[in-house]
Amino acid sequence: MGDKNTDAMFSEDELEKSEENRAVTFSQFSSSIRAVVRIRQKYQLMKKQRMERTAPTASLHSANLLSPYKDQRSTSPKIFTFDVAAGNSPVSVIKKRKRKKGRVLFPNSSRRVLPTKKQSRAKSCLILLCVVVFMQVYNAIENLDDHVLKYDLEGLEKTLKREVFGQQEAIEGLLGHLTDYLSTYVHKKPLVVSLLGSSGVGKSHIGRLLAQHFRSVVGEQLVMQYFVLHHCPNEGDVPLCSETLTLQITEMVTQAEEEEKIPLFIFDEIEHMPTELLDTVEHLIMKKDNNEYLNAIYILISNLEQEEITKFVLQNFTSNSVTGRGHISKELNNLLQSNLKKHHSLWLEAELLPLTLLEKSHVMECFIDEMSREGFYPERSHVERLADELSYYSVGEREFSRTGCKQVVAKVNLL
């Protein structure tokens, strides 16, 4: 009996619990329905607002359709809804905020898509051309310096100033011509220099110093010393001498072209050279259409017009008119040019360098130099006594030697 009572009690409790569960489930179901209704109302409201914005003519019809839901929404408690006032929905607020934002403006100097810059080929070619021209000019300047240094003209200048006395202006003129000509290798015509002056003033000595110096810098094969009385003493041999001279010069010029050097040709005692040989030398010197025989130096040594030079010196070189030694005016060069072209047209192509008369002080320097070479002590009184034995031209307080330093060697050899 006790067990039956207990079973009955349990069954009654279970019935009560099942009834309570049913009540709870029904309340939850009703609240879910209300939530669905509210969501549907909210959706309809949002749809109406959207339609009002897009189609104003259909706004009244949409309002009539949604009027029942408005009443129900107005009677529903606000605490359980997410409704907001008309025109204040989150979507409209967000859209209004977006409308307040202005357009993104870019600076006038910039663009969203930068245009591609097309490089001009002409500009690149111009830059390349400028670089090439600069390199050519730079290399040309460097080659000029290298070409001059190869001939050691500074050493030649020191030698000439040490060995030649009283011819400062002639030495400077000769070095100026050599420097200008040897600065480059390609020339339009050969360099022709004519050394003129009286006997004993240093013409042949300058020629020997030039030959010695150039043999040391360009080689023995590219230097010629041609003495007319030695190489062609007989008049009957002049045609053969002309052919031989032309052949020798051609060989030397050809070799110099291969070695990119400039040969030196020294013609001494040219006043004794026959006209046929002078024509041969002129033919080699004259400018031609081709590039043969253009890169060469010719030194013409003679005592032509020595009387005119002596007369000009004695008339113009007084103690008050000239302050420097060995000064030769342009008037003398013009006078010599007009007289030399009568002798032969070869001198029209030559640069004239007249050598002046030597003064007594210059002759004394020659004695001192020669005595030192021969091993004698150059005592001053002894040198003056030897210098007084020579003959001079007297012009005011200055004395010019008639024979220059030509007799110095003979006088020293008698000691």
Protein backbone atom coordinates (compact mmCIF):
# COMPACT_ATOMS: atom_id res chain seq x y z
CA MET A 1 0.00 0.00 0.00
CA GLY A 2 2.84 2.25 0.91
CA ASP A 3 4.41 1.71 -2.48
CA LYS A 4 1.18 2.53 -4.25
CA ASN A 5 0.80 5.75 -2.34
CA THR A 6 4.33 6.78 -3.20
CA ASP A 7 3.75 6.01 -6.89
CA ALA A 8 0.62 8.05 -6.86
CA MET A 9 2.44 10.97 -5.30
CA PHE A 10 5.20 10.80 -7.92
CA SER A 11 2.70 10.68 -10.73
CA GLU A 12 0.89 13.74 -9.42
CA ASP A 13 4.21 15.64 -9.17
CA GLU A 14 5.16 14.72 -12.70
CA LEU A 15 1.78 15.92 -13.97
CA GLU A 16 2.22 19.26 -12.26
CA LYS A 17 5.74 19.67 -13.73
CA SER A 18 4.51 18.78 -17.22
CA GLU A 19 1.75 21.37 -16.95
CA GLU A 20 4.26 24.02 -15.83
CA ASN A 21 6.57 23.16 -18.75
CA ARG A 22 3.71 23.49 -21.16
CA ALA A 23 2.86 26.93 -19.77
CA VAL A 24 6.48 28.09 -20.15
CA THR A 25 6.73 26.77 -23.68
CA PHE A 26 3.55 28.58 -24.75
CA SER A 27 4.75 31.90 -23.31
CA GLN A 28 8.09 31.56 -25.14
CA PHE A 29 6.24 30.80 -28.35
CA SER A 30 4.00 33.86 -28.02
CA SER A 31 7.01 36.17 -27.41
CA SER A 32 8.75 34.76 -30.49
CA ILE A 33 5.68 35.53 -32.56
CA ARG A 34 5.60 39.08 -31.26
CA ALA A 35 9.32 39.51 -32.11
CA VAL A 36 8.72 38.23 -35.63
CA VAL A 37 5.81 40.67 -36.01
CA ARG A 38 7.94 43.57 -34.82
CA ILE A 39 10.76 42.63 -37.18
CA ARG A 40 8.28 42.43 -40.03
CA GLN A 41 6.88 45.83 -39.14
CA LYS A 42 10.35 47.31 -39.05
CA TYR A 43 11.18 45.79 -42.40
CA GLN A 44 7.98 47.17 -43.92
CA LEU A 45 8.76 50.61 -42.52
CA MET A 46 12.23 50.59 -43.98
CA LYS A 47 10.88 49.40 -47.31
CA LYS A 48 8.33 52.20 -47.29
CA GLN A 49 10.96 54.83 -46.61
CA ARG A 50 13.11 53.48 -49.41
CA MET A 51 10.19 53.53 -51.83
CA GLU A 52 9.29 57.08 -50.84
CA ARG A 53 12.77 58.25 -51.74
CA THR A 54 12.87 56.42 -55.06
CA ALA A 55 9.27 56.85 -56.21
CA PRO A 56 7.44 59.81 -54.65
CA THR A 57 4.23 59.02 -56.58
CA ALA A 58 3.85 55.64 -54.86
CA SER A 59 4.35 56.96 -51.34
CA LEU A 60 0.61 57.32 -50.53
CA HIS A 61 -0.23 53.79 -51.65
CA SER A 62 2.54 52.33 -49.53
CA ALA A 63 1.37 54.31 -46.52
CA ASN A 64 -2.16 52.87 -46.79
CA LEU A 65 -0.84 49.37 -46.94
CA LEU A 66 1.32 49.82 -43.85
CA SER A 67 -1.26 51.76 -41.76
CA PRO A 68 -2.45 48.71 -39.74
CA TYR A 69 1.10 47.96 -38.78
CA LYS A 70 1.62 51.55 -37.67
CA ASP A 71 -1.25 51.34 -35.25
CA GLN A 72 -0.04 48.08 -33.85
CA ARG A 73 3.45 49.46 -33.51
CA SER A 74 2.19 52.55 -31.72
CA THR A 75 0.35 50.43 -29.16
CA SER A 76 3.30 48.08 -28.61
CA PRO A 77 5.64 48.80 -25.72
CA LYS A 78 8.73 50.73 -26.83
CA ILE A 79 11.04 48.98 -24.41
CA PHE A 80 10.88 45.75 -26.42
CA THR A 81 11.22 47.34 -29.89
CA PHE A 82 14.08 48.79 -31.93
CA ASP A 83 11.83 51.33 -33.71
CA VAL A 84 12.97 54.90 -34.16
CA ALA A 85 11.12 57.95 -35.29
CA ALA A 86 10.37 58.39 -38.96
CA GLY A 87 13.28 59.95 -40.76
CA ASN A 88 15.72 59.02 -37.96
CA SER A 89 16.45 55.41 -38.87
CA PRO A 90 20.12 54.28 -38.65
CA VAL A 91 20.28 53.90 -42.39
CA SER A 92 19.08 57.45 -43.00
CA VAL A 93 21.43 58.81 -40.35
CA ILE A 94 24.34 56.97 -41.92
CA LYS A 95 23.39 58.23 -45.35
CA LYS A 96 23.04 61.78 -44.09
CA ARG A 97 26.48 61.57 -42.56
CA LYS A 98 27.84 60.30 -45.82
CA ARG A 99 26.22 63.20 -47.63
CA LYS A 100 27.95 65.66 -45.34
CA LYS A 101 31.31 64.36 -46.45
CA GLY A 102 32.61 66.33 -49.41
CA ARG A 103 34.41 64.98 -52.38
CA VAL A 104 38.04 64.12 -52.01
CA LEU A 105 39.97 66.84 -53.76
CA PHE A 106 43.45 66.36 -55.14
CA PRO A 107 46.09 69.11 -55.49
CA ASN A 108 46.22 70.82 -58.83
CA SER A 109 49.87 69.79 -59.31
CA SER A 110 49.15 66.09 -58.97
CA ARG A 111 46.98 63.64 -60.81
CA ARG A 112 45.46 60.32 -59.93
CA VAL A 113 47.16 58.69 -62.91
CA LEU A 114 50.45 60.32 -63.83
CA PRO A 115 51.16 60.41 -67.56
CA THR A 116 54.13 58.44 -68.77
CA LYS A 117 57.04 60.60 -69.85
CA LYS A 118 58.29 59.80 -73.30
CA GLN A 119 62.05 60.24 -73.56
CA SER A 120 63.21 61.91 -76.72
CA ARG A 121 65.85 60.06 -78.71
CA ALA A 122 67.16 63.35 -80.05
CA LYS A 123 68.04 64.45 -76.52
CA SER A 124 69.98 61.26 -75.89
CA CYS A 125 71.83 61.64 -79.18
CA LEU A 126 72.69 65.25 -78.33
CA ILE A 127 74.10 64.23 -74.94
CA LEU A 128 76.13 61.47 -76.57
CA LEU A 129 77.47 63.90 -79.17
CA CYS A 130 78.53 66.36 -76.47
CA VAL A 131 80.37 63.61 -74.60
CA VAL A 132 82.16 62.50 -77.77
CA VAL A 133 83.22 66.06 -78.63
CA PHE A 134 84.46 66.63 -75.08
CA MET A 135 86.53 63.45 -75.17
CA GLN A 136 87.98 64.37 -78.54
CA VAL A 137 88.99 67.85 -77.35
CA TYR A 138 90.41 66.46 -74.13
CA ASN A 139 92.43 63.83 -75.97
CA ALA A 140 93.66 66.44 -78.44
CA ILE A 141 94.91 68.66 -75.60
CA GLU A 142 96.60 65.72 -73.93
CA ASN A 143 98.20 64.67 -77.22
CA LEU A 144 99.53 68.19 -77.76
CA ASP A 145 101.34 68.13 -74.43
CA ASP A 146 102.67 64.62 -75.02
CA HIS A 147 103.90 65.51 -78.50
CA VAL A 148 105.81 68.58 -77.32
CA LEU A 149 107.34 66.74 -74.39
CA LYS A 150 108.63 64.05 -76.74
CA TYR A 151 110.98 66.56 -78.41
CA ASP A 152 112.29 68.04 -75.12
CA LEU A 153 112.28 71.66 -76.25
CA GLU A 154 113.10 72.82 -72.74
CA GLY A 155 116.39 70.98 -72.91
CA LEU A 156 117.05 72.47 -76.35
CA GLU A 157 116.40 75.96 -75.01
CA LYS A 158 118.89 75.49 -72.18
CA THR A 159 121.50 74.20 -74.61
CA LEU A 160 121.08 77.07 -77.06
CA LYS A 161 121.23 79.75 -74.35
CA ARG A 162 124.31 78.14 -72.87
CA GLU A 163 126.19 77.57 -76.13
CA VAL A 164 125.15 80.56 -78.30
CA PHE A 165 126.13 84.09 -77.26
CA GLY A 166 124.53 87.39 -78.21
CA GLN A 167 121.58 85.97 -80.20
CA GLN A 168 118.83 85.98 -77.61
CA GLU A 169 116.09 87.24 -79.93
CA ALA A 170 116.95 84.78 -82.71
CA ILE A 171 116.93 81.87 -80.22
CA GLU A 172 113.54 82.88 -78.84
CA GLY A 173 112.12 83.17 -82.36
CA LEU A 174 113.49 79.74 -83.34
CA LEU A 175 112.09 78.07 -80.21
CA GLY A 176 108.74 79.76 -80.78
CA HIS A 177 108.47 78.35 -84.31
CA LEU A 178 109.51 74.88 -83.16
CA THR A 179 107.04 74.87 -80.25
CA ASP A 180 104.11 75.90 -82.45
CA TYR A 181 104.97 73.37 -85.12
CA LEU A 182 105.75 70.41 -82.87
CA SER A 183 102.57 70.85 -80.81
CA THR A 184 100.73 68.66 -83.30
CA TYR A 185 101.62 65.99 -85.80
CA VAL A 186 99.34 66.83 -88.73
CA HIS A 187 100.28 70.00 -90.69
CA LYS A 188 99.27 71.76 -93.86
CA LYS A 189 102.86 72.61 -94.87
CA PRO A 190 106.43 72.05 -93.63
CA LEU A 191 108.21 74.45 -91.29
CA VAL A 192 110.95 76.38 -93.08
CA VAL A 193 113.29 78.60 -91.04
CA SER A 194 116.09 80.62 -92.60
CA LEU A 195 119.03 81.63 -90.39
CA LEU A 196 120.80 84.64 -91.90
CA GLY A 197 123.82 86.62 -90.74
CA SER A 198 127.46 87.47 -91.11
CA SER A 199 130.27 85.00 -90.68
CA GLY A 200 131.02 83.92 -87.11
CA VAL A 201 127.72 84.99 -85.48
CA GLY A 202 126.65 81.41 -84.65
CA LYS A 203 124.50 80.19 -87.58
CA SER A 204 126.35 76.92 -88.20
CA HIS A 205 126.78 76.39 -84.48
CA ILE A 206 122.99 76.58 -84.01
CA GLY A 207 122.58 74.09 -86.86
CA ARG A 208 124.98 71.63 -85.20
CA LEU A 209 123.19 71.97 -81.84
CA LEU A 210 119.81 71.36 -83.51
CA ALA A 211 121.09 68.27 -85.30
CA GLN A 212 122.63 66.91 -82.11
CA HIS A 213 119.46 67.45 -80.09
CA PHE A 214 117.06 65.98 -82.66
CA ARG A 215 119.26 62.93 -83.15
CA SER A 216 118.84 62.21 -79.48
CA VAL A 217 115.02 62.52 -79.52
CA VAL A 218 113.93 61.21 -82.95
CA GLY A 219 116.89 59.09 -84.02
CA GLU A 220 119.88 59.32 -86.31
CA GLN A 221 117.90 58.24 -89.38
CA LEU A 222 115.48 61.21 -89.21
CA VAL A 223 118.08 64.02 -89.16
CA MET A 224 119.98 65.23 -92.24
CA GLN A 225 122.82 67.76 -92.39
CA TYR A 226 123.41 68.71 -95.98
CA PHE A 227 126.56 70.69 -96.80
CA VAL A 228 126.51 71.70 -100.46
CA LEU A 229 130.27 72.00 -100.93
CA HIS A 230 130.72 68.54 -99.41
CA HIS A 231 127.80 66.54 -100.86
CA CYS A 232 127.78 68.11 -104.32
CA PRO A 233 131.16 69.82 -105.00
CA ASN A 234 131.07 69.51 -108.80
CA GLU A 235 128.64 71.41 -110.98
CA GLY A 236 128.37 68.48 -113.40
CA ASP A 237 126.96 66.27 -110.65
CA VAL A 238 124.02 68.57 -109.92
CA PRO A 239 121.35 66.39 -111.66
CA LEU A 240 122.59 63.31 -109.83
CA CYS A 241 122.76 65.25 -106.56
CA SER A 242 119.18 66.40 -107.09
CA GLU A 243 117.93 62.84 -107.59
CA THR A 244 119.90 61.59 -104.59
CA LEU A 245 118.60 64.40 -102.39
CA THR A 246 115.00 63.72 -103.42
CA LEU A 247 115.41 59.99 -102.75
CA GLN A 248 116.96 60.56 -99.30
CA ILE A 249 114.28 63.01 -98.23
CA THR A 250 111.53 60.68 -99.48
CA GLU A 251 112.90 57.74 -97.51
CA MET A 252 113.28 59.80 -94.36
CA VAL A 253 109.78 61.28 -94.62
CA THR A 254 108.28 57.84 -95.22
CA GLN A 255 110.04 56.42 -92.19
CA ALA A 256 108.96 59.40 -90.08
CA GLU A 257 105.33 58.88 -91.17
CA GLU A 258 105.48 55.28 -90.03
CA GLU A 259 106.97 56.24 -86.66
CA GLU A 260 104.72 59.36 -86.32
CA LYS A 261 107.72 61.63 -85.90
CA ILE A 262 108.84 64.82 -87.60
CA PRO A 263 112.22 64.73 -89.41
CA LEU A 264 114.76 67.56 -89.49
CA PHE A 265 116.64 68.70 -92.62
CA ILE A 266 119.49 71.21 -92.19
CA PHE A 267 120.96 72.82 -95.32
CA ASP A 268 124.19 74.71 -94.53
CA GLU A 269 126.10 76.99 -96.87
CA ILE A 270 122.98 77.27 -98.98
CA GLU A 271 124.34 80.38 -100.70
CA HIS A 272 126.55 77.99 -102.72
CA MET A 273 123.65 75.73 -103.74
CA PRO A 274 122.94 75.68 -107.50
CA THR A 275 119.55 76.79 -108.78
CA GLU A 276 118.57 73.23 -109.74
CA LEU A 277 119.06 72.02 -106.18
CA LEU A 278 117.16 75.04 -104.88
CA ASP A 279 114.29 74.12 -107.20
CA THR A 280 114.37 70.57 -105.84
CA VAL A 281 114.14 71.77 -102.24
CA GLU A 282 111.38 74.21 -103.14
CA HIS A 283 109.41 71.44 -104.84
CA LEU A 284 109.59 69.37 -101.67
CA ILE A 285 108.61 72.32 -99.47
CA MET A 286 105.73 73.70 -101.55
CA LYS A 287 102.20 72.81 -100.38
CA LYS A 288 100.61 69.90 -102.23
CA ASP A 289 97.15 68.39 -102.47
CA ASN A 290 98.31 65.15 -100.86
CA ASN A 291 99.84 64.70 -97.42
CA GLU A 292 103.37 63.88 -98.58
CA TYR A 293 106.36 65.87 -97.31
CA LEU A 294 104.16 68.11 -95.13
CA ASN A 295 105.40 66.94 -91.71
CA ALA A 296 109.01 68.09 -91.80
CA ILE A 297 111.32 70.88 -90.58
CA TYR A 298 113.78 72.58 -92.94
CA ILE A 299 116.56 74.82 -91.61
CA LEU A 300 118.25 77.00 -94.25
CA ILE A 301 121.59 78.45 -93.13
CA SER A 302 123.33 81.07 -95.25
CA ASN A 303 125.19 84.36 -95.13
CA LEU A 304 123.03 85.93 -97.82
CA GLU A 305 122.34 89.62 -97.32
CA GLN A 306 125.03 89.84 -94.65
CA GLU A 307 126.01 93.29 -95.86
CA GLU A 308 122.45 94.54 -95.47
CA ILE A 309 122.27 93.12 -91.95
CA THR A 310 125.62 94.68 -91.00
CA LYS A 311 124.59 98.07 -92.39
CA PHE A 312 121.26 97.98 -90.60
CA VAL A 313 122.90 97.07 -87.28
CA LEU A 314 125.52 99.81 -87.49
CA GLN A 315 122.94 102.43 -88.40
CA ASN A 316 120.33 101.55 -85.82
CA PHE A 317 122.14 99.94 -82.90
CA THR A 318 123.54 102.89 -81.00
CA SER A 319 123.99 103.14 -77.28
CA ASN A 320 120.89 105.33 -76.94
CA SER A 321 118.50 103.72 -79.45
CA VAL A 322 118.55 100.10 -78.28
CA THR A 323 118.25 98.84 -74.74
CA GLY A 324 118.30 95.10 -75.42
CA ARG A 325 120.89 92.97 -77.13
CA GLY A 326 120.25 91.44 -80.53
CA HIS A 327 117.07 93.42 -81.22
CA ILE A 328 115.91 93.06 -84.85
CA SER A 329 113.06 95.22 -86.06
CA LYS A 330 110.34 94.26 -88.50
CA GLU A 331 111.83 96.78 -90.91
CA LEU A 332 114.89 94.58 -91.30
CA ASN A 333 112.78 91.46 -91.95
CA ASN A 334 110.80 93.25 -94.65
CA LEU A 335 114.01 94.46 -96.25
CA LEU A 336 115.54 90.97 -96.25
CA GLN A 337 112.35 89.38 -97.61
CA SER A 338 112.26 91.67 -100.61
CA ASN A 339 115.95 91.05 -101.41
CA LEU A 340 115.90 87.27 -100.87
CA LYS A 341 113.00 86.62 -103.23
CA LYS A 342 115.21 88.05 -105.99
CA HIS A 343 117.76 85.38 -105.23
CA HIS A 344 115.18 82.54 -105.31
CA SER A 345 111.47 82.10 -104.58
CA LEU A 346 112.33 79.45 -101.96
CA TRP A 347 112.65 82.16 -99.30
CA LEU A 348 109.06 83.23 -99.80
CA GLU A 349 108.07 80.08 -97.88
CA ALA A 350 110.62 80.61 -95.08
CA GLU A 351 110.48 82.29 -91.68
CA LEU A 352 113.43 84.69 -91.50
CA LEU A 353 115.62 84.82 -88.40
CA PRO A 354 118.52 87.24 -88.92
CA LEU A 355 121.43 87.01 -86.49
CA THR A 356 123.03 90.32 -85.47
CA LEU A 357 126.67 91.29 -85.06
CA LEU A 358 128.36 90.21 -81.85
CA GLU A 359 129.67 92.80 -79.41
CA LYS A 360 133.07 92.62 -77.75
CA SER A 361 131.51 91.24 -74.53
CA HIS A 362 130.06 88.35 -76.52
CA VAL A 363 133.44 87.61 -78.09
CA MET A 364 134.97 87.47 -74.61
CA GLU A 365 132.33 84.91 -73.60
CA CYS A 366 133.33 82.83 -76.62
CA PHE A 367 136.98 82.94 -75.50
CA ILE A 368 136.07 81.88 -71.94
CA ASP A 369 133.95 78.96 -73.18
CA GLU A 370 136.59 77.73 -75.64
CA MET A 371 139.46 78.06 -73.16
CA SER A 372 137.45 76.08 -70.58
CA ARG A 373 136.86 73.34 -73.14
CA GLU A 374 140.57 73.16 -73.95
CA GLY A 375 141.60 73.01 -70.31
CA PHE A 376 142.95 76.58 -69.93
CA TYR A 377 142.15 78.78 -66.97
CA PRO A 378 140.15 81.74 -68.39
CA GLU A 379 141.92 84.61 -66.63
CA ARG A 380 140.11 87.89 -67.19
CA SER A 381 143.14 89.91 -68.27
CA HIS A 382 144.23 87.18 -70.62
CA VAL A 383 140.79 86.96 -72.20
CA GLU A 384 140.65 90.73 -72.71
CA ARG A 385 144.07 90.70 -74.38
CA LEU A 386 142.97 87.96 -76.80
CA ALA A 387 139.74 89.82 -77.57
CA ASP A 388 141.62 93.06 -78.33
CA GLU A 389 143.53 91.28 -81.10
CA LEU A 390 140.33 91.07 -83.19
CA SER A 391 138.90 93.88 -85.37
CA TYR A 392 135.65 95.71 -84.50
CA TYR A 393 133.13 98.21 -85.79
CA SER A 394 132.89 101.16 -83.42
CA VAL A 395 129.45 102.73 -83.00
CA GLY A 396 129.49 105.25 -80.17
CA GLU A 397 130.56 103.41 -77.04
CA ARG A 398 129.76 99.99 -78.48
CA GLU A 399 132.06 97.70 -80.46
CA PHE A 400 130.84 95.01 -82.85
CA SER A 401 133.16 92.25 -84.02
CA ARG A 402 133.78 92.06 -87.78
CA THR A 403 134.33 88.28 -87.74
CA GLY A 404 132.31 87.33 -84.68
CA CYS A 405 133.64 84.29 -82.83
CA LYS A 406 135.09 82.67 -85.95
CA GLN A 407 138.72 83.35 -85.04
CA VAL A 408 138.32 82.39 -81.38
CA VAL A 409 139.12 78.73 -81.92
CA ALA A 410 142.27 79.55 -83.89
CA LYS A 411 143.47 81.99 -81.21
CA VAL A 412 142.92 79.46 -78.39
CA ASN A 413 144.72 76.73 -80.34
CA LEU A 414 147.85 78.97 -80.48
CA LEU A 415 148.06 79.13 -76.68
